[in-house]
All heavy atoms as atom14 arrays in JSON, in Angstrom:
{
  "sequence": "AQTGSVLAVGAAQEGLRSYLAVWGGLAVPPVQGSRSTDLACRLGGLE",
  "atom14_mask": [
    [1, 1, 1, 1, 1, 0, 0, 0, 0, 0, 0, 0, 0, 0],
    [1, 1, 1, 1, 1, 1, 1, 1, 1, 0, 0, 0, 0, 0],
    [1, 1, 1, 1, 1, 1, 1, 0, 0, 0, 0, 0, 0, 0],
    [1, 1, 1, 1, 0, 0, 0, 0, 0, 0, 0, 0, 0, 0],
    [1, 1, 1, 1, 1, 1, 0, 0, 0, 0, 0, 0, 0, 0],
    [1, 1, 1, 1, 1, 1, 1, 0, 0, 0, 0, 0, 0, 0],
    [1, 1, 1, 1, 1, 1, 1, 1, 0, 0, 0, 0, 0, 0],
    [1, 1, 1, 1, 1, 0, 0, 0, 0, 0, 0, 0, 0, 0],
    [1, 1, 1, 1, 1, 1, 1, 0, 0, 0, 0, 0, 0, 0],
    [1, 1, 1, 1, 0, 0, 0, 0, 0, 0, 0, 0, 0, 0],
    [1, 1, 1, 1, 1, 0, 0, 0, 0, 0, 0, 0, 0, 0],
    [1, 1, 1, 1, 1, 0, 0, 0, 0, 0, 0, 0, 0, 0],
    [1, 1, 1, 1, 1, 1, 1, 1, 1, 0, 0, 0, 0, 0],
    [1, 1, 1, 1, 1, 1, 1, 1, 1, 0, 0, 0, 0, 0],
    [1, 1, 1, 1, 0, 0, 0, 0, 0, 0, 0, 0, 0, 0],
    [1, 1, 1, 1, 1, 1, 1, 1, 0, 0, 0, 0, 0, 0],
    [1, 1, 1, 1, 1, 1, 1, 1, 1, 1, 1, 0, 0, 0],
    [1, 1, 1, 1, 1, 1, 0, 0, 0, 0, 0, 0, 0, 0],
    [1, 1, 1, 1, 1, 1, 1, 1, 1, 1, 1, 1, 0, 0],
    [1, 1, 1, 1, 1, 1, 1, 1, 0, 0, 0, 0, 0, 0],
    [1, 1, 1, 1, 1, 0, 0, 0, 0, 0, 0, 0, 0, 0],
    [1, 1, 1, 1, 1, 1, 1, 0, 0, 0, 0, 0, 0, 0],
    [1, 1, 1, 1, 1, 1, 1, 1, 1, 1, 1, 1, 1, 1],
    [1, 1, 1, 1, 0, 0, 0, 0, 0, 0, 0, 0, 0, 0],
    [1, 1, 1, 1, 0, 0, 0, 0, 0, 0, 0, 0, 0, 0],
    [1, 1, 1, 1, 1, 1, 1, 1, 0, 0, 0, 0, 0, 0],
    [1, 1, 1, 1, 1, 0, 0, 0, 0, 0, 0, 0, 0, 0],
    [1, 1, 1, 1, 1, 1, 1, 0, 0, 0, 0, 0, 0, 0],
    [1, 1, 1, 1, 1, 1, 1, 0, 0, 0, 0, 0, 0, 0],
    [1, 1, 1, 1, 1, 1, 1, 0, 0, 0, 0, 0, 0, 0],
    [1, 1, 1, 1, 1, 1, 1, 0, 0, 0, 0, 0, 0, 0],
    [1, 1, 1, 1, 1, 1, 1, 1, 1, 0, 0, 0, 0, 0],
    [1, 1, 1, 1, 0, 0, 0, 0, 0, 0, 0, 0, 0, 0],
    [1, 1, 1, 1, 1, 1, 0, 0, 0, 0, 0, 0, 0, 0],
    [1, 1, 1, 1, 1, 1, 1, 1, 1, 1, 1, 0, 0, 0],
    [1, 1, 1, 1, 1, 1, 0, 0, 0, 0, 0, 0, 0, 0],
    [1, 1, 1, 1, 1, 1, 1, 0, 0, 0, 0, 0, 0, 0],
    [1, 1, 1, 1, 1, 1, 1, 1, 0, 0, 0, 0, 0, 0],
    [1, 1, 1, 1, 1, 1, 1, 1, 0, 0, 0, 0, 0, 0],
    [1, 1, 1, 1, 1, 0, 0, 0, 0, 0, 0, 0, 0, 0],
    [1, 1, 1, 1, 1, 1, 0, 0, 0, 0, 0, 0, 0, 0],
    [1, 1, 1, 1, 1, 1, 1, 1, 1, 1, 1, 0, 0, 0],
    [1, 1, 1, 1, 1, 1, 1, 1, 0, 0, 0, 0, 0, 0],
    [1, 1, 1, 1, 0, 0, 0, 0, 0, 0, 0, 0, 0, 0],
    [1, 1, 1, 1, 0, 0, 0, 0, 0, 0, 0, 0, 0, 0],
    [1, 1, 1, 1, 1, 1, 1, 1, 0, 0, 0, 0, 0, 0],
    [1, 1, 1, 1, 1, 1, 1, 1, 1, 0, 0, 0, 0, 0]
  ],
  "atom14_positions": [
    [[-35.26, -18.73, -1.56], [-36.21, -18.5, -0.46], [-37.45, -17.82, -1.01], [-37.34, -16.82, -1.74], [-35.57, -17.62, 0.62], [0.0, 0.0, 0.0], [0.0, 0.0, 0.0], [0.0, 0.0, 0.0], [0.0, 0.0, 0.0], [0.0, 0.0, 0.0], [0.0, 0.0, 0.0], [0.0, 0.0, 0.0], [0.0, 0.0, 0.0], [0.0, 0.0, 0.0]],
    [[-38.61, -18.33, -0.7], [-39.86, -17.71, -1.13], [-40.24, -16.58, -0.18], [-39.67, -16.44, 0.91], [-40.97, -18.75, -1.17], [-40.72, -19.88, -2.15], [-41.83, -20.9, -2.18], [-42.8, -20.79, -1.44], [-41.71, -21.9, -3.04], [0.0, 0.0, 0.0], [0.0, 0.0, 0.0], [0.0, 0.0, 0.0], [0.0, 0.0, 0.0], [0.0, 0.0, 0.0]],
    [[-41.17, -15.77, -0.59], [-41.66, -14.69, 0.26], [-42.14, -15.25, 1.6], [-42.95, -16.18, 1.64], [-42.8, -13.94, -0.42], [-42.33, -13.37, -1.64], [-43.35, -12.83, 0.48], [0.0, 0.0, 0.0], [0.0, 0.0, 0.0], [0.0, 0.0, 0.0], [0.0, 0.0, 0.0], [0.0, 0.0, 0.0], [0.0, 0.0, 0.0], [0.0, 0.0, 0.0]],
    [[-41.6, -14.72, 2.69], [-41.97, -15.17, 4.02], [-41.14, -16.32, 4.56], [-41.29, -16.7, 5.73], [0.0, 0.0, 0.0], [0.0, 0.0, 0.0], [0.0, 0.0, 0.0], [0.0, 0.0, 0.0], [0.0, 0.0, 0.0], [0.0, 0.0, 0.0], [0.0, 0.0, 0.0], [0.0, 0.0, 0.0], [0.0, 0.0, 0.0], [0.0, 0.0, 0.0]],
    [[-40.25, -16.89, 3.74], [-39.42, -18.01, 4.2], [-38.53, -17.6, 5.35], [-38.06, -16.45, 5.43], [-38.56, -18.55, 3.05], [-39.34, -19.25, 2.11], [0.0, 0.0, 0.0], [0.0, 0.0, 0.0], [0.0, 0.0, 0.0], [0.0, 0.0, 0.0], [0.0, 0.0, 0.0], [0.0, 0.0, 0.0], [0.0, 0.0, 0.0], [0.0, 0.0, 0.0]],
    [[-38.26, -18.55, 6.24], [-37.39, -18.32, 7.39], [-36.17, -19.21, 7.29], [-36.3, -20.44, 7.14], [-38.12, -18.58, 8.73], [-37.15, -18.47, 9.91], [-39.28, -17.6, 8.9], [0.0, 0.0, 0.0], [0.0, 0.0, 0.0], [0.0, 0.0, 0.0], [0.0, 0.0, 0.0], [0.0, 0.0, 0.0], [0.0, 0.0, 0.0], [0.0, 0.0, 0.0]],
    [[-35.0, -18.6, 7.35], [-33.72, -19.3, 7.34], [-33.13, -19.26, 8.74], [-33.02, -18.19, 9.33], [-32.75, -18.64, 6.35], [-31.31, -19.15, 6.38], [-31.22, -20.57, 5.85], [-30.39, -18.23, 5.58], [0.0, 0.0, 0.0], [0.0, 0.0, 0.0], [0.0, 0.0, 0.0], [0.0, 0.0, 0.0], [0.0, 0.0, 0.0], [0.0, 0.0, 0.0]],
    [[-32.74, -20.42, 9.25], [-32.08, -20.49, 10.56], [-30.74, -21.18, 10.38], [-30.66, -22.3, 9.86], [-32.95, -21.26, 11.55], [0.0, 0.0, 0.0], [0.0, 0.0, 0.0], [0.0, 0.0, 0.0], [0.0, 0.0, 0.0], [0.0, 0.0, 0.0], [0.0, 0.0, 0.0], [0.0, 0.0, 0.0], [0.0, 0.0, 0.0], [0.0, 0.0, 0.0]],
    [[-29.68, -20.51, 10.81], [-28.32, -21.05, 10.72], [-27.83, -21.33, 12.12], [-27.81, -20.42, 12.98], [-27.37, -20.06, 10.0], [-25.98, -20.67, 9.86], [-27.93, -19.69, 8.63], [0.0, 0.0, 0.0], [0.0, 0.0, 0.0], [0.0, 0.0, 0.0], [0.0, 0.0, 0.0], [0.0, 0.0, 0.0], [0.0, 0.0, 0.0], [0.0, 0.0, 0.0]],
    [[-27.42, -22.55, 12.38], [-27.03, -22.95, 13.73], [-25.57, -22.68, 14.03], [-24.93, -21.8, 13.42], [0.0, 0.0, 0.0], [0.0, 0.0, 0.0], [0.0, 0.0, 0.0], [0.0, 0.0, 0.0], [0.0, 0.0, 0.0], [0.0, 0.0, 0.0], [0.0, 0.0, 0.0], [0.0, 0.0, 0.0], [0.0, 0.0, 0.0], [0.0, 0.0, 0.0]],
    [[-25.02, -23.44, 14.98], [-23.64, -23.25, 15.42], [-22.7, -23.95, 14.45], [-22.94, -25.09, 14.04], [-23.45, -23.8, 16.82], [0.0, 0.0, 0.0], [0.0, 0.0, 0.0], [0.0, 0.0, 0.0], [0.0, 0.0, 0.0], [0.0, 0.0, 0.0], [0.0, 0.0, 0.0], [0.0, 0.0, 0.0], [0.0, 0.0, 0.0], [0.0, 0.0, 0.0]],
    [[-21.6, -23.29, 14.1], [-20.62, -23.85, 13.18], [-19.99, -25.09, 13.79], [-19.62, -25.1, 14.96], [-19.55, -22.82, 12.86], [0.0, 0.0, 0.0], [0.0, 0.0, 0.0], [0.0, 0.0, 0.0], [0.0, 0.0, 0.0], [0.0, 0.0, 0.0], [0.0, 0.0, 0.0], [0.0, 0.0, 0.0], [0.0, 0.0, 0.0], [0.0, 0.0, 0.0]],
    [[-19.89, -26.13, 13.0], [-19.31, -27.38, 13.47], [-17.79, -27.34, 13.4], [-17.1, -28.0, 14.16], [-19.85, -28.53, 12.62], [-21.37, -28.65, 12.7], [-21.95, -29.54, 11.61], [-21.4, -29.64, 10.52], [-23.06, -30.2, 11.91], [0.0, 0.0, 0.0], [0.0, 0.0, 0.0], [0.0, 0.0, 0.0], [0.0, 0.0, 0.0], [0.0, 0.0, 0.0]],
    [[-17.27, -26.57, 12.45], [-15.84, -26.41, 12.28], [-15.62, -25.02, 11.69], [-16.41, -24.56, 10.87], [-15.29, -27.48, 11.34], [-13.79, -27.4, 11.1], [-13.29, -28.45, 10.14], [-14.1, -29.31, 9.74], [-12.11, -28.41, 9.76], [0.0, 0.0, 0.0], [0.0, 0.0, 0.0], [0.0, 0.0, 0.0], [0.0, 0.0, 0.0], [0.0, 0.0, 0.0]],
    [[-14.54, -24.37, 12.09], [-14.33, -23.01, 11.63], [-15.04, -22.02, 12.53], [-15.68, -22.39, 13.53], [0.0, 0.0, 0.0], [0.0, 0.0, 0.0], [0.0, 0.0, 0.0], [0.0, 0.0, 0.0], [0.0, 0.0, 0.0], [0.0, 0.0, 0.0], [0.0, 0.0, 0.0], [0.0, 0.0, 0.0], [0.0, 0.0, 0.0], [0.0, 0.0, 0.0]],
    [[-14.96, -20.74, 12.17], [-15.43, -19.68, 13.06], [-16.45, -18.76, 12.43], [-17.41, -18.35, 13.08], [-14.22, -18.86, 13.54], [-14.46, -17.8, 14.59], [-14.96, -18.43, 15.9], [-13.17, -17.01, 14.84], [0.0, 0.0, 0.0], [0.0, 0.0, 0.0], [0.0, 0.0, 0.0], [0.0, 0.0, 0.0], [0.0, 0.0, 0.0], [0.0, 0.0, 0.0]],
    [[-16.25, -18.41, 11.15], [-17.07, -17.36, 10.53], [-17.77, -17.89, 9.28], [-17.15, -18.53, 8.43], [-16.21, -16.15, 10.18], [-15.61, -15.48, 11.42], [-14.69, -14.32, 11.06], [-14.31, -13.57, 12.26], [-13.17, -13.77, 12.93], [-12.29, -14.67, 12.51], [-12.91, -13.06, 14.02], [0.0, 0.0, 0.0], [0.0, 0.0, 0.0], [0.0, 0.0, 0.0]],
    [[-19.07, -17.59, 9.19], [-19.88, -17.97, 8.03], [-20.34, -16.71, 7.31], [-20.39, -15.62, 7.9], [-21.09, -18.8, 8.46], [-20.7, -19.94, 9.21], [0.0, 0.0, 0.0], [0.0, 0.0, 0.0], [0.0, 0.0, 0.0], [0.0, 0.0, 0.0], [0.0, 0.0, 0.0], [0.0, 0.0, 0.0], [0.0, 0.0, 0.0], [0.0, 0.0, 0.0]],
    [[-20.72, -16.89, 6.03], [-21.12, -15.75, 5.21], [-22.42, -16.06, 4.47], [-22.63, -17.18, 3.99], [-20.01, -15.39, 4.22], [-18.79, -14.88, 4.95], [-17.84, -15.77, 5.44], [-18.63, -13.53, 5.24], [-16.75, -15.32, 6.18], [-17.54, -13.07, 5.96], [-16.61, -13.98, 6.43], [-15.55, -13.53, 7.18], [0.0, 0.0, 0.0], [0.0, 0.0, 0.0]],
    [[-23.28, -15.04, 4.4], [-24.54, -15.14, 3.68], [-24.6, -14.02, 2.65], [-24.51, -12.84, 3.0], [-25.73, -15.01, 4.64], [-27.1, -14.79, 4.01], [-27.56, -16.06, 3.29], [-28.14, -14.38, 5.03], [0.0, 0.0, 0.0], [0.0, 0.0, 0.0], [0.0, 0.0, 0.0], [0.0, 0.0, 0.0], [0.0, 0.0, 0.0], [0.0, 0.0, 0.0]],
    [[-24.72, -14.4, 1.38], [-24.89, -13.44, 0.29], [-26.28, -13.6, -0.28], [-26.8, -14.71, -0.38], [-23.84, -13.65, -0.8], [0.0, 0.0, 0.0], [0.0, 0.0, 0.0], [0.0, 0.0, 0.0], [0.0, 0.0, 0.0], [0.0, 0.0, 0.0], [0.0, 0.0, 0.0], [0.0, 0.0, 0.0], [0.0, 0.0, 0.0], [0.0, 0.0, 0.0]],
    [[-26.9, -12.48, -0.65], [-28.22, -12.48, -1.27], [-28.11, -11.81, -2.64], [-27.45, -10.77, -2.77], [-29.25, -11.72, -0.4], [-30.62, -11.74, -1.06], [-29.32, -12.34, 0.98], [0.0, 0.0, 0.0], [0.0, 0.0, 0.0], [0.0, 0.0, 0.0], [0.0, 0.0, 0.0], [0.0, 0.0, 0.0], [0.0, 0.0, 0.0], [0.0, 0.0, 0.0]],
    [[-28.73, -12.41, -3.64], [-28.63, -11.86, -4.99], [-29.07, -10.39, -5.01], [-30.13, -10.05, -4.48], [-29.48, -12.67, -5.96], [-29.27, -12.25, -7.4], [-28.09, -12.21, -8.06], [-30.27, -11.8, -8.31], [-28.29, -11.77, -9.35], [-29.62, -11.52, -9.54], [-31.66, -11.63, -8.22], [-30.3, -11.06, -10.66], [-32.34, -11.18, -9.34], [-31.66, -10.9, -10.54]],
    [[-28.25, -9.55, -5.58], [-28.51, -8.12, -5.58], [-27.74, -7.38, -4.5], [-27.45, -6.2, -4.63], [0.0, 0.0, 0.0], [0.0, 0.0, 0.0], [0.0, 0.0, 0.0], [0.0, 0.0, 0.0], [0.0, 0.0, 0.0], [0.0, 0.0, 0.0], [0.0, 0.0, 0.0], [0.0, 0.0, 0.0], [0.0, 0.0, 0.0], [0.0, 0.0, 0.0]],
    [[-27.39, -8.08, -3.42], [-26.58, -7.48, -2.36], [-27.4, -6.74, -1.33], [-28.54, -6.33, -1.57], [0.0, 0.0, 0.0], [0.0, 0.0, 0.0], [0.0, 0.0, 0.0], [0.0, 0.0, 0.0], [0.0, 0.0, 0.0], [0.0, 0.0, 0.0], [0.0, 0.0, 0.0], [0.0, 0.0, 0.0], [0.0, 0.0, 0.0], [0.0, 0.0, 0.0]],
    [[-26.83, -6.59, -0.14], [-27.45, -5.8, 0.93], [-27.27, -4.33, 0.61], [-26.18, -3.89, 0.24], [-26.82, -6.14, 2.27], [-26.89, -7.61, 2.69], [-26.16, -7.83, 4.01], [-28.33, -8.08, 2.8], [0.0, 0.0, 0.0], [0.0, 0.0, 0.0], [0.0, 0.0, 0.0], [0.0, 0.0, 0.0], [0.0, 0.0, 0.0], [0.0, 0.0, 0.0]],
    [[-28.31, -3.55, 0.79], [-28.31, -2.15, 0.35], [-28.22, -1.16, 1.51], [-28.84, -0.1, 1.47], [-29.55, -1.87, -0.5], [0.0, 0.0, 0.0], [0.0, 0.0, 0.0], [0.0, 0.0, 0.0], [0.0, 0.0, 0.0], [0.0, 0.0, 0.0], [0.0, 0.0, 0.0], [0.0, 0.0, 0.0], [0.0, 0.0, 0.0], [0.0, 0.0, 0.0]],
    [[-27.46, -1.49, 2.56], [-27.22, -0.49, 3.6], [-26.41, 0.64, 2.99], [-25.67, 0.44, 2.02], [-26.46, -1.11, 4.8], [-27.3, -2.19, 5.46], [-25.12, -1.68, 4.36], [0.0, 0.0, 0.0], [0.0, 0.0, 0.0], [0.0, 0.0, 0.0], [0.0, 0.0, 0.0], [0.0, 0.0, 0.0], [0.0, 0.0, 0.0], [0.0, 0.0, 0.0]],
    [[-26.51, 1.87, 3.52], [-25.82, 3.01, 2.9], [-24.3, 2.85, 2.96], [-23.75, 2.48, 4.01], [-26.28, 4.2, 3.74], [-27.52, 3.75, 4.42], [-27.36, 2.29, 4.64], [0.0, 0.0, 0.0], [0.0, 0.0, 0.0], [0.0, 0.0, 0.0], [0.0, 0.0, 0.0], [0.0, 0.0, 0.0], [0.0, 0.0, 0.0], [0.0, 0.0, 0.0]],
    [[-23.59, 3.1, 1.87], [-22.13, 3.05, 1.92], [-21.56, 4.25, 2.67], [-22.13, 5.34, 2.65], [-21.73, 3.09, 0.44], [-22.88, 3.75, -0.25], [-24.11, 3.37, 0.52], [0.0, 0.0, 0.0], [0.0, 0.0, 0.0], [0.0, 0.0, 0.0], [0.0, 0.0, 0.0], [0.0, 0.0, 0.0], [0.0, 0.0, 0.0], [0.0, 0.0, 0.0]],
    [[-20.47, 4.03, 3.36], [-19.74, 5.08, 4.06], [-18.31, 5.06, 3.55], [-17.63, 4.04, 3.65], [-19.76, 4.88, 5.59], [-18.93, 5.97, 6.27], [-21.19, 4.89, 6.11], [0.0, 0.0, 0.0], [0.0, 0.0, 0.0], [0.0, 0.0, 0.0], [0.0, 0.0, 0.0], [0.0, 0.0, 0.0], [0.0, 0.0, 0.0], [0.0, 0.0, 0.0]],
    [[-17.85, 6.14, 2.95], [-16.51, 6.21, 2.37], [-16.26, 5.04, 1.41], [-15.21, 4.4, 1.43], [-15.44, 6.26, 3.46], [-15.51, 7.54, 4.3], [-14.55, 7.53, 5.46], [-14.35, 6.5, 6.09], [-13.93, 8.66, 5.73], [0.0, 0.0, 0.0], [0.0, 0.0, 0.0], [0.0, 0.0, 0.0], [0.0, 0.0, 0.0], [0.0, 0.0, 0.0]],
    [[-17.27, 4.77, 0.6], [-17.13, 3.78, -0.45], [-17.28, 2.34, -0.03], [-17.05, 1.44, -0.84], [0.0, 0.0, 0.0], [0.0, 0.0, 0.0], [0.0, 0.0, 0.0], [0.0, 0.0, 0.0], [0.0, 0.0, 0.0], [0.0, 0.0, 0.0], [0.0, 0.0, 0.0], [0.0, 0.0, 0.0], [0.0, 0.0, 0.0], [0.0, 0.0, 0.0]],
    [[-17.69, 2.08, 1.21], [-17.82, 0.7, 1.68], [-19.04, 0.56, 2.59], [-19.4, 1.49, 3.32], [-16.57, 0.28, 2.46], [-16.75, -0.97, 3.1], [0.0, 0.0, 0.0], [0.0, 0.0, 0.0], [0.0, 0.0, 0.0], [0.0, 0.0, 0.0], [0.0, 0.0, 0.0], [0.0, 0.0, 0.0], [0.0, 0.0, 0.0], [0.0, 0.0, 0.0]],
    [[-19.65, -0.62, 2.54], [-20.77, -0.92, 3.44], [-20.32, -1.73, 4.66], [-21.13, -2.17, 5.45], [-21.85, -1.69, 2.67], [-22.55, -0.85, 1.6], [-23.66, -1.63, 0.9], [-24.51, -0.77, 0.1], [-24.3, -0.44, -1.16], [-23.23, -0.95, -1.79], [-25.12, 0.36, -1.82], [0.0, 0.0, 0.0], [0.0, 0.0, 0.0], [0.0, 0.0, 0.0]],
    [[-19.01, -1.92, 4.82], [-18.5, -2.7, 5.94], [-18.78, -2.04, 7.28], [-18.72, -0.81, 7.41], [-16.99, -2.91, 5.78], [-16.72, -3.86, 4.78], [0.0, 0.0, 0.0], [0.0, 0.0, 0.0], [0.0, 0.0, 0.0], [0.0, 0.0, 0.0], [0.0, 0.0, 0.0], [0.0, 0.0, 0.0], [0.0, 0.0, 0.0], [0.0, 0.0, 0.0]],
    [[-19.03, -2.86, 8.28], [-19.27, -2.37, 9.63], [-17.95, -2.17, 10.35], [-17.13, -3.09, 10.44], [-20.12, -3.38, 10.43], [-21.32, -3.66, 9.71], [-20.47, -2.82, 11.8], [0.0, 0.0, 0.0], [0.0, 0.0, 0.0], [0.0, 0.0, 0.0], [0.0, 0.0, 0.0], [0.0, 0.0, 0.0], [0.0, 0.0, 0.0], [0.0, 0.0, 0.0]],
    [[-17.73, -0.97, 10.87], [-16.59, -0.68, 11.74], [-17.15, -0.53, 13.15], [-17.72, 0.5, 13.51], [-15.89, 0.61, 11.3], [-14.61, 0.87, 12.08], [-14.54, 0.49, 13.26], [-13.68, 1.48, 11.51], [0.0, 0.0, 0.0], [0.0, 0.0, 0.0], [0.0, 0.0, 0.0], [0.0, 0.0, 0.0], [0.0, 0.0, 0.0], [0.0, 0.0, 0.0]],
    [[-17.03, -1.59, 13.94], [-17.64, -1.61, 15.26], [-17.03, -0.59, 16.21], [-17.74, 0.0, 17.04], [-17.53, -3.01, 15.87], [-18.31, -4.11, 15.14], [-17.92, -5.48, 15.67], [-19.81, -3.89, 15.28], [0.0, 0.0, 0.0], [0.0, 0.0, 0.0], [0.0, 0.0, 0.0], [0.0, 0.0, 0.0], [0.0, 0.0, 0.0], [0.0, 0.0, 0.0]],
    [[-15.73, -0.35, 16.1], [-15.06, 0.6, 17.0], [-15.46, 2.03, 16.7], [-15.69, 2.84, 17.61], [-13.55, 0.44, 16.92], [0.0, 0.0, 0.0], [0.0, 0.0, 0.0], [0.0, 0.0, 0.0], [0.0, 0.0, 0.0], [0.0, 0.0, 0.0], [0.0, 0.0, 0.0], [0.0, 0.0, 0.0], [0.0, 0.0, 0.0], [0.0, 0.0, 0.0]],
    [[-15.54, 2.37, 15.43], [-15.89, 3.74, 15.03], [-17.39, 3.93, 14.85], [-17.85, 5.05, 14.6], [-15.17, 4.12, 13.73], [-13.38, 4.17, 13.88], [0.0, 0.0, 0.0], [0.0, 0.0, 0.0], [0.0, 0.0, 0.0], [0.0, 0.0, 0.0], [0.0, 0.0, 0.0], [0.0, 0.0, 0.0], [0.0, 0.0, 0.0], [0.0, 0.0, 0.0]],
    [[-18.15, 2.83, 14.93], [-19.6, 2.85, 14.8], [-20.04, 3.51, 13.5], [-20.85, 4.44, 13.47], [-20.27, 3.53, 16.01], [-20.05, 2.81, 17.32], [-20.96, 3.32, 18.42], [-22.36, 3.08, 18.11], [-23.0, 1.93, 18.32], [-22.33, 0.88, 18.79], [-24.28, 1.8, 18.03], [0.0, 0.0, 0.0], [0.0, 0.0, 0.0], [0.0, 0.0, 0.0]],
    [[-19.48, 3.02, 12.42], [-19.88, 3.51, 11.11], [-19.99, 2.35, 10.13], [-19.43, 1.27, 10.34], [-18.93, 4.58, 10.59], [-17.44, 4.27, 10.42], [-17.15, 3.58, 9.09], [-16.64, 5.55, 10.5], [0.0, 0.0, 0.0], [0.0, 0.0, 0.0], [0.0, 0.0, 0.0], [0.0, 0.0, 0.0], [0.0, 0.0, 0.0], [0.0, 0.0, 0.0]],
    [[-20.72, 2.58, 9.05], [-20.93, 1.54, 8.05], [-21.92, 0.5, 8.53], [-22.48, 0.57, 9.63], [0.0, 0.0, 0.0], [0.0, 0.0, 0.0], [0.0, 0.0, 0.0], [0.0, 0.0, 0.0], [0.0, 0.0, 0.0], [0.0, 0.0, 0.0], [0.0, 0.0, 0.0], [0.0, 0.0, 0.0], [0.0, 0.0, 0.0], [0.0, 0.0, 0.0]],
    [[-22.18, -0.49, 7.67], [-23.1, -1.55, 8.03], [-24.47, -1.01, 8.38], [-24.98, -0.07, 7.75], [0.0, 0.0, 0.0], [0.0, 0.0, 0.0], [0.0, 0.0, 0.0], [0.0, 0.0, 0.0], [0.0, 0.0, 0.0], [0.0, 0.0, 0.0], [0.0, 0.0, 0.0], [0.0, 0.0, 0.0], [0.0, 0.0, 0.0], [0.0, 0.0, 0.0]],
    [[-25.08, -1.57, 9.39], [-26.37, -1.1, 9.89], [-26.12, -0.31, 11.17], [-25.88, -0.89, 12.25], [-27.3, -2.28, 10.17], [-28.77, -1.91, 10.41], [-29.39, -1.32, 9.14], [-29.57, -3.13, 10.85], [0.0, 0.0, 0.0], [0.0, 0.0, 0.0], [0.0, 0.0, 0.0], [0.0, 0.0, 0.0], [0.0, 0.0, 0.0], [0.0, 0.0, 0.0]],
    [[-26.06, 0.99, 11.04], [-25.83, 1.9, 12.17], [-24.5, 1.64, 12.86], [-24.34, 1.93, 14.05], [-26.99, 1.81, 13.18], [-28.35, 2.15, 12.58], [-29.48, 1.92, 13.57], [-29.22, 1.43, 14.69], [-30.63, 2.22, 13.2], [0.0, 0.0, 0.0], [0.0, 0.0, 0.0], [0.0, 0.0, 0.0], [0.0, 0.0, 0.0], [0.0, 0.0, 0.0]]
  ]
}
């Protein structure tokens, strides 16, 4: 992707969950050694 490029991902045709990795990785702050989002405890990931 060039600077300013827009990526649009539509509805999955088969299966349920898709994944997007970017070289270098997402740099959200780690919480207890992981950047995973815990939706119930509201920690990790992005807020």
